[in-house]
């Protein structure tokens, strides 16, 4: 919600209602790539098989919130775990912010 929209909502509905919305959990997922294969190929996959994805090394990954694309970013390592640095924020199908 844009800051102006948030201020307007808080004036109409009270700060406590909007505050409660901030506590709602959302599912955030990152997609590093996709692949489409035939069922016969799927059935032949075994441990150690390599599944080629549609992205090249270094290309941005997609970040989804509740299955909706909201951003793109770069994979990073944070204390031996994977993380994502956000490089683009997407609103209604348009990139609204880019950082490099």
N, C-alpha and C. Protein backbone atom coordinates (compact mmCIF):
# COMPACT_ATOMS: atom_id res chain seq x y z
N UNK A 1 0.85 -1.16 0.00
CA UNK A 1 0.00 0.00 0.00
C UNK A 1 0.90 1.23 0.00
N UNK A 2 0.68 2.17 -0.91
CA UNK A 2 1.46 3.40 -0.97
C UNK A 2 1.22 4.21 0.29
N UNK A 3 2.19 5.03 0.65
CA UNK A 3 2.11 5.82 1.89
C UNK A 3 0.87 6.70 1.91
N UNK A 4 0.55 7.34 0.79
CA UNK A 4 -0.63 8.20 0.71
C UNK A 4 -1.91 7.39 0.93
N UNK A 5 -2.00 6.19 0.31
CA UNK A 5 -3.16 5.32 0.49
C UNK A 5 -3.27 4.86 1.93
N UNK A 6 -2.12 4.54 2.54
CA UNK A 6 -2.10 4.09 3.93
C UNK A 6 -2.62 5.18 4.85
N UNK A 7 -2.16 6.42 4.66
CA UNK A 7 -2.62 7.53 5.50
C UNK A 7 -4.12 7.73 5.36
N UNK A 8 -4.62 7.67 4.11
CA UNK A 8 -6.05 7.83 3.86
C UNK A 8 -6.84 6.71 4.55
N UNK A 9 -6.37 5.46 4.42
CA UNK A 9 -7.05 4.33 5.04
C UNK A 9 -7.07 4.48 6.55
N UNK A 10 -5.94 4.87 7.14
CA UNK A 10 -5.87 5.01 8.60
C UNK A 10 -6.83 6.08 9.09
N UNK A 11 -6.99 7.17 8.34
CA UNK A 11 -7.92 8.23 8.74
C UNK A 11 -9.36 7.73 8.70
N UNK A 12 -9.70 6.91 7.70
CA UNK A 12 -11.07 6.41 7.55
C UNK A 12 -11.37 5.25 8.49
N UNK A 13 -10.41 4.35 8.73
CA UNK A 13 -10.68 3.12 9.45
C UNK A 13 -9.97 3.00 10.79
N UNK A 14 -9.17 3.96 11.11
CA UNK A 14 -8.46 3.89 12.39
C UNK A 14 -7.17 3.12 12.26
N UNK A 15 -6.19 3.55 13.04
CA UNK A 15 -4.87 2.95 12.97
C UNK A 15 -4.86 1.51 13.43
N UNK A 16 -5.74 1.13 14.35
CA UNK A 16 -5.72 -0.23 14.89
C UNK A 16 -6.07 -1.27 13.82
N UNK A 17 -6.99 -0.94 12.92
CA UNK A 17 -7.37 -1.89 11.88
C UNK A 17 -6.22 -2.14 10.90
N UNK A 18 -5.55 -1.07 10.49
CA UNK A 18 -4.44 -1.26 9.55
C UNK A 18 -3.28 -1.94 10.26
N UNK A 19 -3.09 -1.68 11.53
CA UNK A 19 -2.04 -2.34 12.29
C UNK A 19 -2.26 -3.83 12.35
N UNK A 20 -3.50 -4.26 12.47
CA UNK A 20 -3.82 -5.69 12.51
C UNK A 20 -3.46 -6.36 11.19
N UNK A 21 -3.60 -5.64 10.09
CA UNK A 21 -3.28 -6.21 8.78
C UNK A 21 -1.79 -6.51 8.66
N UNK A 22 -0.97 -5.75 9.34
CA UNK A 22 0.48 -5.98 9.27
C UNK A 22 0.88 -7.30 9.91
N UNK A 23 0.05 -7.88 10.74
CA UNK A 23 0.35 -9.14 11.41
C UNK A 23 -0.11 -10.38 10.64
N UNK A 24 -0.73 -10.18 9.48
CA UNK A 24 -1.21 -11.31 8.68
C UNK A 24 -0.02 -11.96 7.98
N UNK A 25 0.17 -13.27 8.15
CA UNK A 25 1.30 -13.93 7.49
C UNK A 25 1.04 -14.07 5.98
N UNK A 26 2.11 -13.96 5.21
CA UNK A 26 2.04 -14.17 3.76
C UNK A 26 3.12 -15.17 3.37
N UNK A 27 2.91 -15.88 2.29
CA UNK A 27 3.87 -16.87 1.82
C UNK A 27 4.76 -16.20 0.77
N UNK A 28 6.06 -16.20 1.04
CA UNK A 28 7.03 -15.64 0.11
C UNK A 28 7.84 -16.79 -0.48
N UNK A 29 7.93 -16.84 -1.80
CA UNK A 29 8.71 -17.90 -2.44
C UNK A 29 9.56 -17.29 -3.55
N UNK A 30 10.66 -17.95 -3.83
CA UNK A 30 11.58 -17.51 -4.87
C UNK A 30 11.71 -18.63 -5.90
N UNK A 31 11.53 -18.29 -7.16
CA UNK A 31 11.64 -19.27 -8.24
C UNK A 31 12.94 -18.99 -8.99
N UNK A 32 13.84 -19.97 -8.97
CA UNK A 32 15.13 -19.79 -9.65
C UNK A 32 15.06 -20.16 -11.12
N UNK A 33 14.02 -20.87 -11.52
CA UNK A 33 13.86 -21.24 -12.92
C UNK A 33 12.76 -22.26 -13.07
N UNK A 34 12.38 -22.49 -14.32
CA UNK A 34 11.31 -23.45 -14.62
C UNK A 34 11.77 -24.35 -15.76
N UNK A 35 11.12 -25.49 -15.87
CA UNK A 35 11.41 -26.43 -16.94
C UNK A 35 10.13 -27.17 -17.29
N UNK A 36 9.96 -27.45 -18.57
CA UNK A 36 8.80 -28.25 -18.99
C UNK A 36 9.34 -29.51 -19.65
N UNK A 37 8.91 -30.65 -19.13
CA UNK A 37 9.37 -31.93 -19.67
C UNK A 37 8.16 -32.84 -19.87
N UNK A 38 8.38 -33.90 -20.63
CA UNK A 38 7.32 -34.88 -20.85
C UNK A 38 7.25 -35.82 -19.65
N UNK A 39 6.10 -36.44 -19.47
CA UNK A 39 5.92 -37.39 -18.36
C UNK A 39 6.95 -38.52 -18.46
N UNK A 40 7.25 -38.96 -19.67
CA UNK A 40 8.23 -40.04 -19.82
C UNK A 40 9.60 -39.63 -19.29
N UNK A 41 9.98 -38.36 -19.52
CA UNK A 41 11.25 -37.86 -18.99
C UNK A 41 11.19 -37.76 -17.46
N UNK A 42 10.06 -37.33 -16.96
CA UNK A 42 9.87 -37.22 -15.51
C UNK A 42 10.03 -38.58 -14.84
N UNK A 43 9.47 -39.60 -15.46
CA UNK A 43 9.53 -40.95 -14.89
C UNK A 43 10.96 -41.51 -14.89
N UNK A 44 11.81 -40.99 -15.77
CA UNK A 44 13.20 -41.47 -15.83
C UNK A 44 14.14 -40.72 -14.89
N UNK A 45 13.65 -39.66 -14.24
CA UNK A 45 14.51 -38.90 -13.33
C UNK A 45 14.89 -39.75 -12.13
N UNK A 46 16.15 -39.76 -11.81
CA UNK A 46 16.65 -40.49 -10.65
C UNK A 46 17.58 -39.57 -9.87
N UNK A 47 17.99 -40.04 -8.72
CA UNK A 47 18.92 -39.27 -7.90
C UNK A 47 20.18 -38.95 -8.72
N UNK A 48 20.58 -37.70 -8.69
CA UNK A 48 21.76 -37.27 -9.44
C UNK A 48 21.45 -36.73 -10.83
N UNK A 49 20.20 -36.90 -11.29
CA UNK A 49 19.82 -36.37 -12.60
C UNK A 49 19.84 -34.85 -12.54
N UNK A 50 20.16 -34.23 -13.65
CA UNK A 50 20.20 -32.77 -13.74
C UNK A 50 19.00 -32.31 -14.56
N UNK A 51 18.23 -31.41 -14.01
CA UNK A 51 17.07 -30.84 -14.69
C UNK A 51 17.45 -29.43 -15.13
N UNK A 52 17.52 -29.22 -16.43
CA UNK A 52 17.91 -27.92 -16.97
C UNK A 52 16.77 -26.92 -16.81
N UNK A 53 17.09 -25.74 -16.31
CA UNK A 53 16.10 -24.69 -16.10
C UNK A 53 16.18 -23.64 -17.21
N UNK A 54 15.18 -22.77 -17.25
CA UNK A 54 15.10 -21.77 -18.32
C UNK A 54 15.92 -20.50 -18.03
N UNK A 55 16.66 -20.47 -16.95
CA UNK A 55 17.46 -19.29 -16.59
C UNK A 55 18.94 -19.58 -16.72
N UNK A 56 19.69 -18.53 -17.00
CA UNK A 56 21.15 -18.64 -17.04
C UNK A 56 21.70 -18.21 -15.69
N UNK A 57 22.91 -18.66 -15.39
CA UNK A 57 23.57 -18.27 -14.15
C UNK A 57 23.69 -16.75 -14.13
N UNK A 58 23.32 -16.14 -13.02
CA UNK A 58 23.41 -14.69 -12.87
C UNK A 58 22.14 -13.94 -13.24
N UNK A 59 21.19 -14.61 -13.89
CA UNK A 59 19.93 -13.94 -14.22
C UNK A 59 19.10 -13.76 -12.96
N UNK A 60 18.27 -12.71 -12.91
CA UNK A 60 17.44 -12.49 -11.72
C UNK A 60 16.48 -13.65 -11.48
N UNK A 61 16.16 -13.87 -10.21
CA UNK A 61 15.15 -14.86 -9.82
C UNK A 61 13.85 -14.13 -9.54
N UNK A 62 12.73 -14.83 -9.62
CA UNK A 62 11.41 -14.24 -9.37
C UNK A 62 11.01 -14.42 -7.92
N UNK A 63 10.45 -13.38 -7.32
CA UNK A 63 10.00 -13.42 -5.93
C UNK A 63 8.48 -13.25 -5.94
N UNK A 64 7.80 -14.21 -5.34
CA UNK A 64 6.34 -14.22 -5.30
C UNK A 64 5.86 -14.05 -3.86
N UNK A 65 4.76 -13.32 -3.69
CA UNK A 65 4.07 -13.25 -2.41
C UNK A 65 2.66 -13.78 -2.68
N UNK A 66 2.32 -14.85 -1.97
CA UNK A 66 1.02 -15.51 -2.18
C UNK A 66 0.77 -15.78 -3.67
N UNK A 67 1.76 -16.35 -4.34
CA UNK A 67 1.68 -16.74 -5.75
C UNK A 67 1.55 -15.58 -6.73
N UNK A 68 1.87 -14.37 -6.29
CA UNK A 68 1.82 -13.20 -7.16
C UNK A 68 3.24 -12.63 -7.30
N UNK A 69 3.70 -12.47 -8.53
CA UNK A 69 5.03 -11.93 -8.78
C UNK A 69 5.10 -10.49 -8.28
N UNK A 70 6.02 -10.22 -7.35
CA UNK A 70 6.13 -8.87 -6.78
C UNK A 70 7.51 -8.26 -6.94
N UNK A 71 8.52 -9.10 -7.23
CA UNK A 71 9.88 -8.56 -7.31
C UNK A 71 10.79 -9.54 -8.03
N UNK A 72 11.99 -9.07 -8.33
CA UNK A 72 13.05 -9.91 -8.86
C UNK A 72 14.30 -9.61 -8.05
N UNK A 73 15.20 -10.59 -8.01
CA UNK A 73 16.40 -10.37 -7.22
C UNK A 73 17.53 -11.30 -7.60
N UNK A 74 18.62 -11.17 -6.84
CA UNK A 74 19.81 -11.99 -7.06
C UNK A 74 20.02 -12.89 -5.86
N UNK A 75 20.37 -14.14 -6.12
CA UNK A 75 20.66 -15.08 -5.04
C UNK A 75 21.95 -14.68 -4.33
N UNK A 76 21.93 -14.76 -3.00
CA UNK A 76 23.11 -14.48 -2.18
C UNK A 76 23.21 -15.54 -1.10
N UNK A 77 24.36 -15.64 -0.47
CA UNK A 77 24.55 -16.55 0.65
C UNK A 77 24.61 -15.72 1.93
N UNK A 78 23.78 -16.10 2.91
CA UNK A 78 23.72 -15.42 4.20
C UNK A 78 23.93 -16.47 5.28
N UNK A 79 25.10 -16.46 5.93
CA UNK A 79 25.39 -17.42 6.99
C UNK A 79 25.09 -18.86 6.57
N UNK A 80 25.65 -19.31 5.47
CA UNK A 80 25.47 -20.67 4.95
C UNK A 80 24.05 -20.99 4.52
N UNK A 81 23.23 -19.99 4.30
CA UNK A 81 21.86 -20.18 3.80
C UNK A 81 21.68 -19.31 2.58
N UNK A 82 20.73 -19.69 1.74
CA UNK A 82 20.43 -18.87 0.56
C UNK A 82 19.54 -17.70 0.95
N UNK A 83 19.74 -16.59 0.30
CA UNK A 83 18.91 -15.41 0.47
C UNK A 83 18.73 -14.75 -0.89
N UNK A 84 17.96 -13.68 -0.93
CA UNK A 84 17.73 -12.96 -2.18
C UNK A 84 17.87 -11.47 -1.92
N UNK A 85 18.70 -10.81 -2.71
CA UNK A 85 18.78 -9.35 -2.68
C UNK A 85 17.80 -8.84 -3.72
N UNK A 86 16.85 -8.03 -3.32
CA UNK A 86 15.83 -7.52 -4.24
C UNK A 86 16.45 -6.46 -5.13
N UNK A 87 16.29 -6.64 -6.44
CA UNK A 87 16.82 -5.69 -7.42
C UNK A 87 15.72 -4.95 -8.16
N UNK A 88 14.53 -5.51 -8.21
CA UNK A 88 13.39 -4.87 -8.87
C UNK A 88 12.14 -5.13 -8.06
N UNK A 89 11.32 -4.10 -7.90
CA UNK A 89 10.01 -4.27 -7.28
C UNK A 89 8.98 -4.08 -8.38
N UNK A 90 8.02 -5.00 -8.46
CA UNK A 90 7.04 -5.00 -9.54
C UNK A 90 5.66 -4.70 -8.97
N UNK A 91 4.96 -3.78 -9.61
CA UNK A 91 3.60 -3.45 -9.18
C UNK A 91 2.70 -3.51 -10.40
N UNK A 92 1.66 -4.32 -10.34
CA UNK A 92 0.69 -4.46 -11.43
C UNK A 92 1.35 -4.74 -12.77
N UNK A 93 2.34 -5.64 -12.75
CA UNK A 93 2.99 -6.03 -13.99
C UNK A 93 4.04 -5.07 -14.49
N UNK A 94 4.29 -3.97 -13.75
CA UNK A 94 5.29 -3.00 -14.17
C UNK A 94 6.42 -2.94 -13.15
N UNK A 95 7.64 -2.76 -13.61
CA UNK A 95 8.77 -2.57 -12.70
C UNK A 95 8.71 -1.13 -12.21
N UNK A 96 8.68 -0.94 -10.88
CA UNK A 96 8.60 0.42 -10.34
C UNK A 96 9.89 0.85 -9.68
N UNK A 97 10.81 -0.06 -9.47
CA UNK A 97 12.05 0.29 -8.78
C UNK A 97 13.14 -0.67 -9.21
N UNK A 98 14.28 -0.16 -9.60
CA UNK A 98 15.39 -1.02 -10.00
C UNK A 98 16.66 -0.57 -9.31
N UNK A 99 17.40 -1.54 -8.73
CA UNK A 99 18.69 -1.26 -8.09
C UNK A 99 19.72 -2.21 -8.66
N UNK A 100 20.89 -1.71 -8.97
CA UNK A 100 21.99 -2.58 -9.44
C UNK A 100 23.24 -2.22 -8.73
